[in-house]
């Protein structure tokens, strides 16, 4: 793979990557402030990626983060389809298999979504949708 290219051969959009990384950091900070323990970030396998894996008591939380600059194309929360949520649930199962030491006390798994709006010249605005797929 050439530098600056994706696996499919498309150029990497560094601004979009930076915006997404900022949103994920903001979401992780927000979730931590809400009392969740962050266990992992940007965990990848062939089937996809988990942005944030956290623990909320005895519940394992898989959190998808969507970041946008504005609502011009709708809320970032609207971009999560049931198909995407189901894939996140599948990936959560793989994550649990690979991290048995961190999941012994897990009694349930839920999928959350954090939408981050980062307007030009303003601070981040976060929306947290809890349990889109439990």
N, C-alpha and C. Protein backbone atom coordinates (compact mmCIF):
# COMPACT_ATOMS: atom_id res chain seq x y z
N UNK A 1 0.85 -1.17 0.00
CA UNK A 1 0.00 0.00 0.00
C UNK A 1 0.90 1.24 0.00
N UNK A 2 0.58 2.18 -0.84
CA UNK A 2 1.37 3.41 -0.92
C UNK A 2 1.05 4.34 0.23
N UNK A 3 2.02 5.12 0.69
CA UNK A 3 1.75 6.10 1.74
C UNK A 3 0.68 7.09 1.27
N UNK A 4 -0.20 7.46 2.18
CA UNK A 4 -1.24 8.42 1.85
C UNK A 4 -2.43 7.83 1.10
N UNK A 5 -2.47 6.48 0.99
CA UNK A 5 -3.57 5.81 0.29
C UNK A 5 -4.26 4.83 1.24
N UNK A 6 -5.54 4.61 1.01
CA UNK A 6 -6.28 3.61 1.79
C UNK A 6 -6.07 2.25 1.13
N UNK A 7 -6.59 1.19 1.77
CA UNK A 7 -6.46 -0.15 1.21
C UNK A 7 -7.08 -0.23 -0.18
N UNK A 8 -8.17 0.50 -0.39
CA UNK A 8 -8.85 0.48 -1.68
C UNK A 8 -8.20 1.37 -2.73
N UNK A 9 -7.13 2.07 -2.37
CA UNK A 9 -6.43 2.91 -3.32
C UNK A 9 -6.87 4.36 -3.32
N UNK A 10 -7.83 4.71 -2.49
CA UNK A 10 -8.30 6.10 -2.43
C UNK A 10 -7.36 6.92 -1.56
N UNK A 11 -7.21 8.22 -1.86
CA UNK A 11 -6.35 9.05 -1.03
C UNK A 11 -6.91 9.21 0.38
N UNK A 12 -6.03 9.28 1.35
CA UNK A 12 -6.43 9.46 2.74
C UNK A 12 -6.80 10.93 2.94
N UNK A 13 -7.94 11.17 3.54
CA UNK A 13 -8.35 12.53 3.86
C UNK A 13 -7.90 12.82 5.29
N UNK A 14 -6.77 13.46 5.42
CA UNK A 14 -6.17 13.71 6.74
C UNK A 14 -7.05 14.59 7.62
N UNK A 15 -7.76 15.53 7.02
CA UNK A 15 -8.65 16.39 7.83
C UNK A 15 -9.78 15.58 8.43
N UNK A 16 -10.34 14.67 7.65
CA UNK A 16 -11.42 13.83 8.17
C UNK A 16 -10.90 12.92 9.27
N UNK A 17 -9.70 12.36 9.07
CA UNK A 17 -9.10 11.50 10.09
C UNK A 17 -8.88 12.29 11.39
N UNK A 18 -8.37 13.52 11.27
CA UNK A 18 -8.11 14.34 12.45
C UNK A 18 -9.42 14.68 13.15
N UNK A 19 -10.46 14.99 12.39
CA UNK A 19 -11.77 15.30 12.98
C UNK A 19 -12.31 14.08 13.73
N UNK A 20 -12.21 12.90 13.11
CA UNK A 20 -12.67 11.67 13.75
C UNK A 20 -11.89 11.36 15.01
N UNK A 21 -10.58 11.53 14.97
CA UNK A 21 -9.75 11.27 16.15
C UNK A 21 -10.09 12.23 17.28
N UNK A 22 -10.33 13.50 16.95
CA UNK A 22 -10.72 14.48 17.96
C UNK A 22 -12.05 14.08 18.60
N UNK A 23 -13.01 13.69 17.75
CA UNK A 23 -14.31 13.27 18.26
C UNK A 23 -14.22 12.07 19.17
N UNK A 24 -13.37 11.12 18.82
CA UNK A 24 -13.21 9.92 19.65
C UNK A 24 -12.58 10.27 21.00
N UNK A 25 -11.61 11.18 20.99
CA UNK A 25 -11.02 11.62 22.27
C UNK A 25 -12.06 12.32 23.14
N UNK A 26 -12.85 13.20 22.51
CA UNK A 26 -13.89 13.92 23.25
C UNK A 26 -14.92 12.94 23.81
N UNK A 27 -15.30 11.94 23.02
CA UNK A 27 -16.27 10.94 23.47
C UNK A 27 -15.71 10.11 24.62
N UNK A 28 -14.45 9.69 24.52
CA UNK A 28 -13.83 8.91 25.59
C UNK A 28 -13.77 9.73 26.88
N UNK A 29 -13.40 11.00 26.77
CA UNK A 29 -13.37 11.87 27.96
C UNK A 29 -14.76 12.01 28.57
N UNK A 30 -15.76 12.18 27.71
CA UNK A 30 -17.15 12.31 28.17
C UNK A 30 -17.61 11.03 28.88
N UNK A 31 -17.36 9.88 28.26
CA UNK A 31 -17.79 8.61 28.86
C UNK A 31 -17.09 8.38 30.20
N UNK A 32 -15.81 8.70 30.26
CA UNK A 32 -15.06 8.56 31.51
C UNK A 32 -15.67 9.48 32.59
N UNK A 33 -16.02 10.70 32.21
CA UNK A 33 -16.64 11.64 33.17
C UNK A 33 -18.01 11.14 33.63
N UNK A 34 -18.67 10.31 32.81
CA UNK A 34 -19.97 9.74 33.18
C UNK A 34 -19.82 8.49 34.05
N UNK A 35 -18.56 8.11 34.34
CA UNK A 35 -18.31 6.99 35.22
C UNK A 35 -17.98 5.68 34.53
N UNK A 36 -17.88 5.66 33.21
CA UNK A 36 -17.51 4.44 32.50
C UNK A 36 -16.00 4.28 32.53
N UNK A 37 -15.56 3.04 32.61
CA UNK A 37 -14.13 2.72 32.56
C UNK A 37 -13.77 2.37 31.12
N UNK A 38 -12.88 3.14 30.51
CA UNK A 38 -12.46 2.89 29.14
C UNK A 38 -11.48 1.72 29.15
N UNK A 39 -11.82 0.67 28.40
CA UNK A 39 -10.99 -0.53 28.34
C UNK A 39 -10.13 -0.58 27.09
N UNK A 40 -10.63 -0.04 25.99
CA UNK A 40 -9.91 -0.14 24.72
C UNK A 40 -10.43 0.94 23.77
N UNK A 41 -9.55 1.33 22.84
CA UNK A 41 -9.94 2.30 21.81
C UNK A 41 -9.37 1.85 20.48
N UNK A 42 -10.15 2.08 19.44
CA UNK A 42 -9.75 1.78 18.06
C UNK A 42 -9.26 0.34 17.88
N UNK A 43 -10.01 -0.60 18.44
CA UNK A 43 -9.68 -2.02 18.30
C UNK A 43 -10.16 -2.48 16.93
N UNK A 44 -9.28 -3.12 16.18
CA UNK A 44 -9.59 -3.50 14.80
C UNK A 44 -9.40 -5.00 14.56
N UNK A 45 -10.24 -5.48 13.68
CA UNK A 45 -10.04 -6.78 13.05
C UNK A 45 -10.63 -6.70 11.65
N UNK A 46 -10.47 -7.76 10.92
CA UNK A 46 -10.88 -7.76 9.51
C UNK A 46 -12.34 -7.35 9.33
N UNK A 47 -13.19 -7.74 10.26
CA UNK A 47 -14.63 -7.48 10.14
C UNK A 47 -15.02 -6.03 10.46
N UNK A 48 -14.13 -5.28 11.08
CA UNK A 48 -14.46 -3.90 11.40
C UNK A 48 -13.67 -3.38 12.58
N UNK A 49 -14.14 -2.27 13.10
CA UNK A 49 -13.44 -1.57 14.19
C UNK A 49 -14.42 -1.18 15.28
N UNK A 50 -13.95 -1.25 16.52
CA UNK A 50 -14.68 -0.72 17.66
C UNK A 50 -13.98 0.56 18.09
N UNK A 51 -14.71 1.67 18.09
CA UNK A 51 -14.11 2.95 18.45
C UNK A 51 -13.72 2.97 19.93
N UNK A 52 -14.69 2.60 20.79
CA UNK A 52 -14.44 2.61 22.23
C UNK A 52 -15.09 1.37 22.84
N UNK A 53 -14.35 0.70 23.71
CA UNK A 53 -14.91 -0.39 24.52
C UNK A 53 -14.76 0.07 25.96
N UNK A 54 -15.86 0.01 26.71
CA UNK A 54 -15.86 0.50 28.09
C UNK A 54 -16.65 -0.45 28.97
N UNK A 55 -16.55 -0.21 30.26
CA UNK A 55 -17.33 -0.97 31.23
C UNK A 55 -18.18 0.02 32.03
N UNK A 56 -19.46 -0.32 32.16
CA UNK A 56 -20.39 0.46 32.96
C UNK A 56 -20.96 -0.49 34.00
N UNK A 57 -20.31 -0.57 35.15
CA UNK A 57 -20.67 -1.57 36.15
C UNK A 57 -20.33 -2.94 35.62
N UNK A 58 -21.33 -3.83 35.53
CA UNK A 58 -21.08 -5.18 35.01
C UNK A 58 -21.50 -5.31 33.54
N UNK A 59 -21.68 -4.16 32.89
CA UNK A 59 -22.09 -4.13 31.48
C UNK A 59 -20.90 -3.70 30.61
N UNK A 60 -20.63 -4.49 29.56
CA UNK A 60 -19.63 -4.11 28.58
C UNK A 60 -20.31 -3.20 27.57
N UNK A 61 -19.71 -2.05 27.30
CA UNK A 61 -20.29 -1.06 26.40
C UNK A 61 -19.38 -0.91 25.18
N UNK A 62 -19.95 -1.16 24.02
CA UNK A 62 -19.26 -0.92 22.76
C UNK A 62 -19.84 0.38 22.23
N UNK A 63 -18.98 1.35 22.00
CA UNK A 63 -19.45 2.68 21.64
C UNK A 63 -18.93 3.10 20.27
N UNK A 64 -19.84 3.40 19.38
CA UNK A 64 -19.50 3.95 18.07
C UNK A 64 -19.54 5.47 18.19
N UNK A 65 -18.53 6.12 17.64
CA UNK A 65 -18.44 7.57 17.69
C UNK A 65 -18.54 8.12 16.27
N UNK A 66 -19.45 9.06 16.07
CA UNK A 66 -19.61 9.73 14.78
C UNK A 66 -19.42 11.21 15.00
N UNK A 67 -18.50 11.81 14.24
CA UNK A 67 -18.17 13.22 14.41
C UNK A 67 -18.44 13.96 13.11
N UNK A 68 -19.07 15.12 13.23
CA UNK A 68 -19.34 15.97 12.08
C UNK A 68 -19.08 17.42 12.46
N UNK A 69 -18.93 18.24 11.44
CA UNK A 69 -18.73 19.68 11.64
C UNK A 69 -20.05 20.42 11.81
N UNK A 70 -21.12 19.88 11.25
CA UNK A 70 -22.42 20.57 11.31
C UNK A 70 -23.52 19.54 11.15
N UNK A 71 -24.75 20.03 11.19
CA UNK A 71 -25.91 19.17 10.99
C UNK A 71 -26.40 19.23 9.54
N UNK A 72 -25.59 19.79 8.65
CA UNK A 72 -25.99 19.96 7.24
C UNK A 72 -26.42 18.64 6.60
N UNK A 73 -25.80 17.54 6.99
CA UNK A 73 -26.15 16.23 6.45
C UNK A 73 -26.88 15.38 7.48
N UNK A 74 -27.46 16.01 8.47
CA UNK A 74 -28.18 15.31 9.52
C UNK A 74 -27.31 15.07 10.74
N UNK A 75 -27.96 14.58 11.77
CA UNK A 75 -27.26 14.29 13.01
C UNK A 75 -26.30 13.12 12.82
N UNK A 76 -25.16 13.16 13.49
CA UNK A 76 -24.26 12.00 13.40
C UNK A 76 -24.91 10.72 13.92
N UNK A 77 -25.86 10.86 14.83
CA UNK A 77 -26.54 9.68 15.37
C UNK A 77 -27.38 8.98 14.30
N UNK A 78 -27.85 9.75 13.33
CA UNK A 78 -28.69 9.18 12.27
C UNK A 78 -27.91 8.28 11.31
N UNK A 79 -26.60 8.37 11.35
CA UNK A 79 -25.79 7.59 10.40
C UNK A 79 -25.60 6.15 10.84
N UNK A 80 -26.07 5.79 12.02
CA UNK A 80 -25.93 4.41 12.51
C UNK A 80 -27.16 3.61 12.09
N UNK A 81 -26.94 2.64 11.22
CA UNK A 81 -28.02 1.77 10.78
C UNK A 81 -28.10 0.56 11.70
N UNK A 82 -29.19 -0.18 11.60
CA UNK A 82 -29.32 -1.41 12.39
C UNK A 82 -28.26 -2.41 11.96
N UNK A 83 -27.91 -2.40 10.69
CA UNK A 83 -26.87 -3.30 10.20
C UNK A 83 -25.53 -2.97 10.88
N UNK A 84 -25.21 -1.68 10.97
CA UNK A 84 -23.96 -1.27 11.63
C UNK A 84 -24.00 -1.65 13.11
N UNK A 85 -25.13 -1.42 13.76
CA UNK A 85 -25.25 -1.78 15.18
C UNK A 85 -25.08 -3.28 15.38
N UNK A 86 -25.64 -4.08 14.48
CA UNK A 86 -25.49 -5.53 14.59
C UNK A 86 -24.04 -5.94 14.39
N UNK A 87 -23.32 -5.28 13.46
CA UNK A 87 -21.91 -5.58 13.25
C UNK A 87 -21.11 -5.23 14.50
N UNK A 88 -21.46 -4.12 15.15
CA UNK A 88 -20.77 -3.74 16.39
C UNK A 88 -20.98 -4.80 17.46
N UNK A 89 -22.18 -5.34 17.53
CA UNK A 89 -22.48 -6.41 18.50
C UNK A 89 -21.64 -7.66 18.20
N UNK A 90 -21.51 -8.00 16.91
CA UNK A 90 -20.67 -9.13 16.51
C UNK A 90 -19.22 -8.89 16.90
N UNK A 91 -18.72 -7.68 16.62
CA UNK A 91 -17.34 -7.33 16.98
C UNK A 91 -17.15 -7.38 18.49
N UNK A 92 -18.18 -7.00 19.25
CA UNK A 92 -18.09 -7.08 20.71
C UNK A 92 -17.84 -8.51 21.15
N UNK A 93 -18.49 -9.46 20.49
CA UNK A 93 -18.25 -10.87 20.81
C UNK A 93 -16.81 -11.29 20.57
N UNK A 94 -16.26 -10.84 19.45
CA UNK A 94 -14.84 -11.12 19.17
C UNK A 94 -13.94 -10.47 20.21
N UNK A 95 -14.26 -9.24 20.59
CA UNK A 95 -13.44 -8.53 21.58
C UNK A 95 -13.46 -9.30 22.91
N UNK A 96 -14.63 -9.76 23.31
CA UNK A 96 -14.77 -10.53 24.56
C UNK A 96 -13.92 -11.80 24.50
N UNK A 97 -13.94 -12.50 23.36
CA UNK A 97 -13.13 -13.71 23.21
C UNK A 97 -11.64 -13.43 23.37
N UNK A 98 -11.21 -12.27 22.87
CA UNK A 98 -9.78 -11.93 22.92
C UNK A 98 -9.36 -11.29 24.25
N UNK A 99 -10.31 -10.93 25.09
CA UNK A 99 -10.00 -10.25 26.36
C UNK A 99 -10.75 -10.89 27.53
N UNK A 100 -10.59 -12.19 27.74
CA UNK A 100 -11.35 -12.85 28.82
C UNK A 100 -11.03 -12.29 30.20
N UNK A 101 -9.80 -11.84 30.40
CA UNK A 101 -9.42 -11.30 31.70
C UNK A 101 -10.18 -10.01 32.03
N UNK A 102 -10.58 -9.25 31.03
CA UNK A 102 -11.29 -7.99 31.26
C UNK A 102 -12.81 -8.16 31.30
N UNK A 103 -13.29 -9.35 30.93
CA UNK A 103 -14.74 -9.52 30.79
C UNK A 103 -15.33 -10.58 31.70
N UNK A 104 -14.57 -11.04 32.67
CA UNK A 104 -15.09 -12.10 33.56
C UNK A 104 -16.37 -11.69 34.29
N UNK A 105 -16.44 -10.46 34.72
CA UNK A 105 -17.60 -10.00 35.50
C UNK A 105 -18.71 -9.41 34.62
N UNK A 106 -18.57 -9.50 33.30
CA UNK A 106 -19.56 -8.93 32.40
C UNK A 106 -20.84 -9.75 32.41
N UNK A 107 -21.94 -9.07 32.65
CA UNK A 107 -23.25 -9.75 32.66
C UNK A 107 -24.08 -9.39 31.43
N UNK A 108 -23.74 -8.27 30.79
CA UNK A 108 -24.49 -7.87 29.60
C UNK A 108 -23.59 -7.03 28.70
N UNK A 109 -24.06 -6.87 27.47
CA UNK A 109 -23.34 -6.07 26.48
C UNK A 109 -24.35 -5.12 25.87
N UNK A 110 -23.93 -3.87 25.69
CA UNK A 110 -24.81 -2.93 25.00
C UNK A 110 -23.99 -2.13 23.99
N UNK A 111 -24.69 -1.61 23.00
CA UNK A 111 -24.07 -0.77 21.99
C UNK A 111 -24.59 0.65 22.17
N UNK A 112 -23.68 1.58 22.37
CA UNK A 112 -24.02 3.00 22.48
C UNK A 112 -23.46 3.74 21.28
N UNK A 113 -24.00 4.92 21.05
CA UNK A 113 -23.48 5.81 20.01
C UNK A 113 -23.28 7.18 20.63
N UNK A 114 -22.12 7.77 20.39
CA UNK A 114 -21.88 9.16 20.78
C UNK A 114 -21.72 9.97 19.50
N UNK A 115 -22.59 10.95 19.34
CA UNK A 115 -22.49 11.88 18.22
C UNK A 115 -21.78 13.13 18.69
N UNK A 116 -20.81 13.56 17.90
CA UNK A 116 -20.04 14.75 18.24
C UNK A 116 -20.18 15.75 17.10
N UNK A 117 -20.64 16.94 17.43
CA UNK A 117 -20.67 18.05 16.48
C UNK A 117 -19.56 18.99 16.90
N UNK A 118 -18.65 19.26 15.98
CA UNK A 118 -17.55 20.17 16.26
C UNK A 118 -17.62 21.33 15.27
N UNK A 119 -18.43 22.34 15.62
CA UNK A 119 -18.59 23.46 14.69
C UNK A 119 -17.30 24.28 14.60
N UNK A 120 -17.11 24.90 13.45
CA UNK A 120 -15.95 25.78 13.30
C UNK A 120 -16.06 26.89 14.33
N UNK A 121 -15.00 27.09 15.09
CA UNK A 121 -14.97 28.17 16.07
C UNK A 121 -15.72 27.88 17.35
N UNK A 122 -16.08 26.64 17.60
CA UNK A 122 -16.80 26.32 18.83
C UNK A 122 -16.32 25.04 19.44
N UNK A 123 -16.78 24.79 20.65
CA UNK A 123 -16.42 23.57 21.34
C UNK A 123 -17.31 22.41 20.91
N UNK A 124 -16.92 21.19 21.26
CA UNK A 124 -17.70 20.02 20.86
C UNK A 124 -19.04 19.95 21.58
N UNK A 125 -20.05 19.49 20.84
CA UNK A 125 -21.38 19.24 21.39
C UNK A 125 -21.63 17.75 21.26
N UNK A 126 -21.85 17.08 22.38
CA UNK A 126 -21.99 15.63 22.37
C UNK A 126 -23.41 15.20 22.67
N UNK A 127 -23.83 14.14 21.99
CA UNK A 127 -25.10 13.47 22.26
C UNK A 127 -24.79 12.00 22.47
N UNK A 128 -25.35 11.41 23.51
CA UNK A 128 -25.05 10.02 23.86
C UNK A 128 -26.36 9.23 23.78
N UNK A 129 -26.41 8.29 22.87
CA UNK A 129 -27.56 7.40 22.72
C UNK A 129 -27.17 6.06 23.36
N UNK A 130 -27.85 5.71 24.43
CA UNK A 130 -27.50 4.53 25.22
C UNK A 130 -28.36 3.33 24.78
N UNK A 131 -27.67 2.23 24.51
CA UNK A 131 -28.38 0.97 24.23
C UNK A 131 -29.12 0.93 22.91
N UNK A 132 -28.47 1.29 21.82
CA UNK A 132 -29.13 1.18 20.51
C UNK A 132 -29.37 -0.28 20.16
N UNK A 133 -28.59 -1.17 20.77
CA UNK A 133 -28.74 -2.60 20.59
C UNK A 133 -28.21 -3.25 21.86
N UNK A 134 -29.09 -3.79 22.68
CA UNK A 134 -28.65 -4.38 23.95
C UNK A 134 -28.72 -5.88 23.89
